[in-house]
Amino acid sequence: LLTVNEAGTREAVAIARRAAREGANGLMVVPSPIYHTNAEETVAALRAVAEAGDLPVMIYSNRLAYRVDVTVDQMEEL
């Protein structure tokens, strides 16, 4: 399981793709630690990373640390 914790979606997508190529068997994806995204942006960024790696994904939601709350509704949407 490889953690993807990047400021921007582009960087996170690149890491997810590399992780898949290098043999990772899953990703733990963290919302951007820098940008405080709204619900739609959060889902779009997490979806982009998940699709790029084509691996099982665990979403790490720590509202206090990242000031982005990934809700149950957002996870269901993903």
N, C-alpha and C. Protein backbone atom coordinates (compact mmCIF):
# COMPACT_ATOMS: atom_id res chain seq x y z
N LEU A 1 0.86 -1.17 0.00
CA LEU A 1 0.00 0.00 0.00
C LEU A 1 0.90 1.23 0.00
N LEU A 2 0.72 2.08 -1.00
CA LEU A 2 1.53 3.28 -1.13
C LEU A 2 0.67 4.50 -0.85
N THR A 3 1.18 5.44 -0.06
CA THR A 3 0.45 6.66 0.25
C THR A 3 0.68 7.71 -0.82
N VAL A 4 -0.40 8.32 -1.29
CA VAL A 4 -0.33 9.43 -2.24
C VAL A 4 -0.82 10.66 -1.49
N ASN A 5 0.11 11.58 -1.21
CA ASN A 5 -0.19 12.77 -0.42
C ASN A 5 0.53 13.95 -1.06
N GLU A 6 -0.03 14.47 -2.12
CA GLU A 6 0.59 15.55 -2.88
C GLU A 6 -0.28 16.79 -2.86
N ALA A 7 0.34 17.94 -3.05
CA ALA A 7 -0.40 19.20 -3.05
C ALA A 7 -1.37 19.29 -4.22
N GLY A 8 -0.91 18.87 -5.39
CA GLY A 8 -1.73 19.01 -6.59
C GLY A 8 -2.14 17.68 -7.19
N THR A 9 -3.24 17.71 -7.91
CA THR A 9 -3.77 16.49 -8.53
C THR A 9 -2.81 15.92 -9.56
N ARG A 10 -2.20 16.78 -10.37
CA ARG A 10 -1.27 16.29 -11.40
C ARG A 10 -0.15 15.45 -10.79
N GLU A 11 0.43 15.95 -9.72
CA GLU A 11 1.51 15.22 -9.06
C GLU A 11 1.00 13.91 -8.47
N ALA A 12 -0.18 13.96 -7.86
CA ALA A 12 -0.76 12.76 -7.26
C ALA A 12 -1.06 11.70 -8.32
N VAL A 13 -1.57 12.12 -9.47
CA VAL A 13 -1.86 11.20 -10.57
C VAL A 13 -0.57 10.55 -11.06
N ALA A 14 0.48 11.34 -11.19
CA ALA A 14 1.77 10.80 -11.65
C ALA A 14 2.29 9.74 -10.68
N ILE A 15 2.16 9.99 -9.39
CA ILE A 15 2.62 9.02 -8.40
C ILE A 15 1.77 7.76 -8.45
N ALA A 16 0.46 7.90 -8.62
CA ALA A 16 -0.42 6.73 -8.71
C ALA A 16 -0.05 5.87 -9.91
N ARG A 17 0.21 6.51 -11.04
CA ARG A 17 0.60 5.75 -12.24
C ARG A 17 1.92 5.02 -12.01
N ARG A 18 2.87 5.72 -11.42
CA ARG A 18 4.17 5.09 -11.17
C ARG A 18 4.03 3.94 -10.18
N ALA A 19 3.24 4.13 -9.16
CA ALA A 19 3.03 3.08 -8.16
C ALA A 19 2.48 1.82 -8.83
N ALA A 20 1.53 1.99 -9.73
CA ALA A 20 0.95 0.84 -10.44
C ALA A 20 2.01 0.15 -11.30
N ARG A 21 2.81 0.94 -12.00
CA ARG A 21 3.88 0.37 -12.85
C ARG A 21 4.92 -0.38 -12.03
N GLU A 22 5.20 0.14 -10.84
CA GLU A 22 6.25 -0.43 -10.00
C GLU A 22 5.76 -1.61 -9.16
N GLY A 23 4.47 -1.93 -9.23
CA GLY A 23 3.98 -3.12 -8.55
C GLY A 23 3.23 -2.91 -7.25
N ALA A 24 2.88 -1.67 -6.92
CA ALA A 24 2.08 -1.45 -5.71
C ALA A 24 0.76 -2.21 -5.84
N ASN A 25 0.24 -2.67 -4.72
CA ASN A 25 -1.02 -3.40 -4.79
C ASN A 25 -2.19 -2.59 -4.24
N GLY A 26 -1.96 -1.33 -3.94
CA GLY A 26 -3.03 -0.45 -3.48
C GLY A 26 -2.50 0.92 -3.16
N LEU A 27 -3.42 1.88 -3.04
CA LEU A 27 -3.05 3.26 -2.73
C LEU A 27 -3.86 3.76 -1.54
N MET A 28 -3.20 4.50 -0.65
CA MET A 28 -3.90 5.27 0.36
C MET A 28 -3.82 6.72 -0.11
N VAL A 29 -4.96 7.29 -0.44
CA VAL A 29 -4.99 8.62 -1.04
C VAL A 29 -5.47 9.63 -0.01
N VAL A 30 -4.70 10.72 0.10
CA VAL A 30 -4.98 11.78 1.05
C VAL A 30 -5.38 13.03 0.27
N PRO A 31 -6.42 13.75 0.70
CA PRO A 31 -6.72 15.02 0.03
C PRO A 31 -5.52 15.96 0.13
N SER A 32 -5.46 16.92 -0.77
CA SER A 32 -4.34 17.85 -0.79
C SER A 32 -4.09 18.47 0.58
N PRO A 33 -2.84 18.45 1.04
CA PRO A 33 -2.52 19.07 2.32
C PRO A 33 -2.42 20.59 2.22
N ILE A 34 -2.42 21.13 1.00
CA ILE A 34 -2.23 22.56 0.78
C ILE A 34 -3.54 23.26 0.40
N TYR A 35 -4.22 22.71 -0.60
CA TYR A 35 -5.44 23.33 -1.12
C TYR A 35 -6.65 22.82 -0.35
N HIS A 36 -7.51 23.73 0.02
CA HIS A 36 -8.71 23.38 0.78
C HIS A 36 -9.89 23.37 -0.19
N THR A 37 -10.13 22.21 -0.74
CA THR A 37 -11.09 22.05 -1.83
C THR A 37 -12.52 21.92 -1.33
N ASN A 38 -13.45 22.28 -2.21
CA ASN A 38 -14.86 22.06 -1.89
C ASN A 38 -15.20 20.61 -2.21
N ALA A 39 -16.44 20.23 -1.99
CA ALA A 39 -16.84 18.82 -2.15
C ALA A 39 -16.62 18.32 -3.58
N GLU A 40 -17.01 19.11 -4.57
CA GLU A 40 -16.86 18.69 -5.97
C GLU A 40 -15.39 18.54 -6.36
N GLU A 41 -14.56 19.49 -5.93
CA GLU A 41 -13.13 19.43 -6.25
C GLU A 41 -12.47 18.24 -5.56
N THR A 42 -12.89 17.97 -4.33
CA THR A 42 -12.33 16.84 -3.59
C THR A 42 -12.63 15.53 -4.31
N VAL A 43 -13.87 15.33 -4.71
CA VAL A 43 -14.26 14.11 -5.42
C VAL A 43 -13.50 14.00 -6.74
N ALA A 44 -13.42 15.10 -7.48
CA ALA A 44 -12.73 15.07 -8.78
C ALA A 44 -11.26 14.70 -8.61
N ALA A 45 -10.60 15.27 -7.62
CA ALA A 45 -9.18 14.97 -7.41
C ALA A 45 -8.98 13.52 -6.98
N LEU A 46 -9.77 13.04 -6.04
CA LEU A 46 -9.64 11.66 -5.58
C LEU A 46 -9.95 10.68 -6.70
N ARG A 47 -10.97 10.98 -7.50
CA ARG A 47 -11.33 10.12 -8.62
C ARG A 47 -10.18 10.06 -9.64
N ALA A 48 -9.58 11.19 -9.94
CA ALA A 48 -8.48 11.23 -10.91
C ALA A 48 -7.33 10.35 -10.46
N VAL A 49 -6.99 10.41 -9.18
CA VAL A 49 -5.89 9.60 -8.65
C VAL A 49 -6.26 8.12 -8.68
N ALA A 50 -7.47 7.80 -8.26
CA ALA A 50 -7.90 6.39 -8.24
C ALA A 50 -7.91 5.80 -9.64
N GLU A 51 -8.40 6.55 -10.61
CA GLU A 51 -8.46 6.04 -11.98
C GLU A 51 -7.07 5.94 -12.60
N ALA A 52 -6.18 6.84 -12.25
CA ALA A 52 -4.83 6.82 -12.82
C ALA A 52 -4.06 5.58 -12.40
N GLY A 53 -4.22 5.18 -11.14
CA GLY A 53 -3.47 4.02 -10.66
C GLY A 53 -4.12 2.70 -10.99
N ASP A 54 -5.43 2.70 -11.20
CA ASP A 54 -6.18 1.48 -11.47
C ASP A 54 -5.85 0.40 -10.44
N LEU A 55 -5.82 0.83 -9.17
CA LEU A 55 -5.52 -0.05 -8.04
C LEU A 55 -6.61 0.14 -6.98
N PRO A 56 -6.74 -0.80 -6.04
CA PRO A 56 -7.63 -0.55 -4.91
C PRO A 56 -7.18 0.70 -4.16
N VAL A 57 -8.15 1.46 -3.67
CA VAL A 57 -7.84 2.74 -3.02
C VAL A 57 -8.48 2.80 -1.64
N MET A 58 -7.70 3.27 -0.68
CA MET A 58 -8.21 3.61 0.64
C MET A 58 -8.10 5.13 0.75
N ILE A 59 -9.18 5.79 1.08
CA ILE A 59 -9.15 7.25 1.22
C ILE A 59 -8.92 7.58 2.69
N TYR A 60 -7.90 8.41 2.92
CA TYR A 60 -7.57 8.84 4.27
C TYR A 60 -8.18 10.21 4.48
N SER A 61 -9.11 10.31 5.39
CA SER A 61 -9.78 11.58 5.66
C SER A 61 -9.44 12.01 7.08
N ASN A 62 -8.72 13.11 7.20
CA ASN A 62 -8.37 13.67 8.51
C ASN A 62 -8.71 15.16 8.46
N ARG A 63 -9.95 15.44 8.74
CA ARG A 63 -10.47 16.81 8.63
C ARG A 63 -9.67 17.82 9.44
N LEU A 64 -9.20 17.43 10.59
CA LEU A 64 -8.46 18.37 11.44
C LEU A 64 -7.10 18.71 10.86
N ALA A 65 -6.42 17.75 10.28
CA ALA A 65 -5.09 17.99 9.74
C ALA A 65 -5.13 18.66 8.37
N TYR A 66 -6.09 18.27 7.53
CA TYR A 66 -6.09 18.74 6.14
C TYR A 66 -7.18 19.76 5.83
N ARG A 67 -8.07 20.01 6.78
CA ARG A 67 -9.18 20.95 6.62
C ARG A 67 -10.06 20.63 5.41
N VAL A 68 -10.04 19.38 4.99
CA VAL A 68 -10.94 18.88 3.95
C VAL A 68 -11.60 17.63 4.53
N ASP A 69 -12.90 17.64 4.59
CA ASP A 69 -13.62 16.49 5.14
C ASP A 69 -14.18 15.67 3.99
N VAL A 70 -13.69 14.45 3.86
CA VAL A 70 -14.25 13.53 2.86
C VAL A 70 -15.41 12.82 3.53
N THR A 71 -16.60 13.15 3.09
CA THR A 71 -17.81 12.65 3.74
C THR A 71 -18.19 11.27 3.21
N VAL A 72 -19.10 10.63 3.90
CA VAL A 72 -19.61 9.33 3.46
C VAL A 72 -20.27 9.48 2.09
N ASP A 73 -21.03 10.55 1.89
CA ASP A 73 -21.67 10.78 0.59
C ASP A 73 -20.64 10.89 -0.53
N GLN A 74 -19.53 11.57 -0.27
CA GLN A 74 -18.48 11.70 -1.28
C GLN A 74 -17.85 10.34 -1.57
N MET A 75 -17.63 9.55 -0.53
CA MET A 75 -17.04 8.23 -0.74
C MET A 75 -17.99 7.34 -1.54
N GLU A 76 -19.29 7.44 -1.26
CA GLU A 76 -20.26 6.67 -2.04
C GLU A 76 -20.24 7.10 -3.50
N GLU A 77 -20.08 8.39 -3.75
CA GLU A 77 -20.01 8.90 -5.12
C GLU A 77 -18.80 8.34 -5.86
N LEU A 78 -17.72 8.18 -5.13
CA LEU A 78 -16.51 7.63 -5.75
C LEU A 78 -16.68 6.16 -6.04
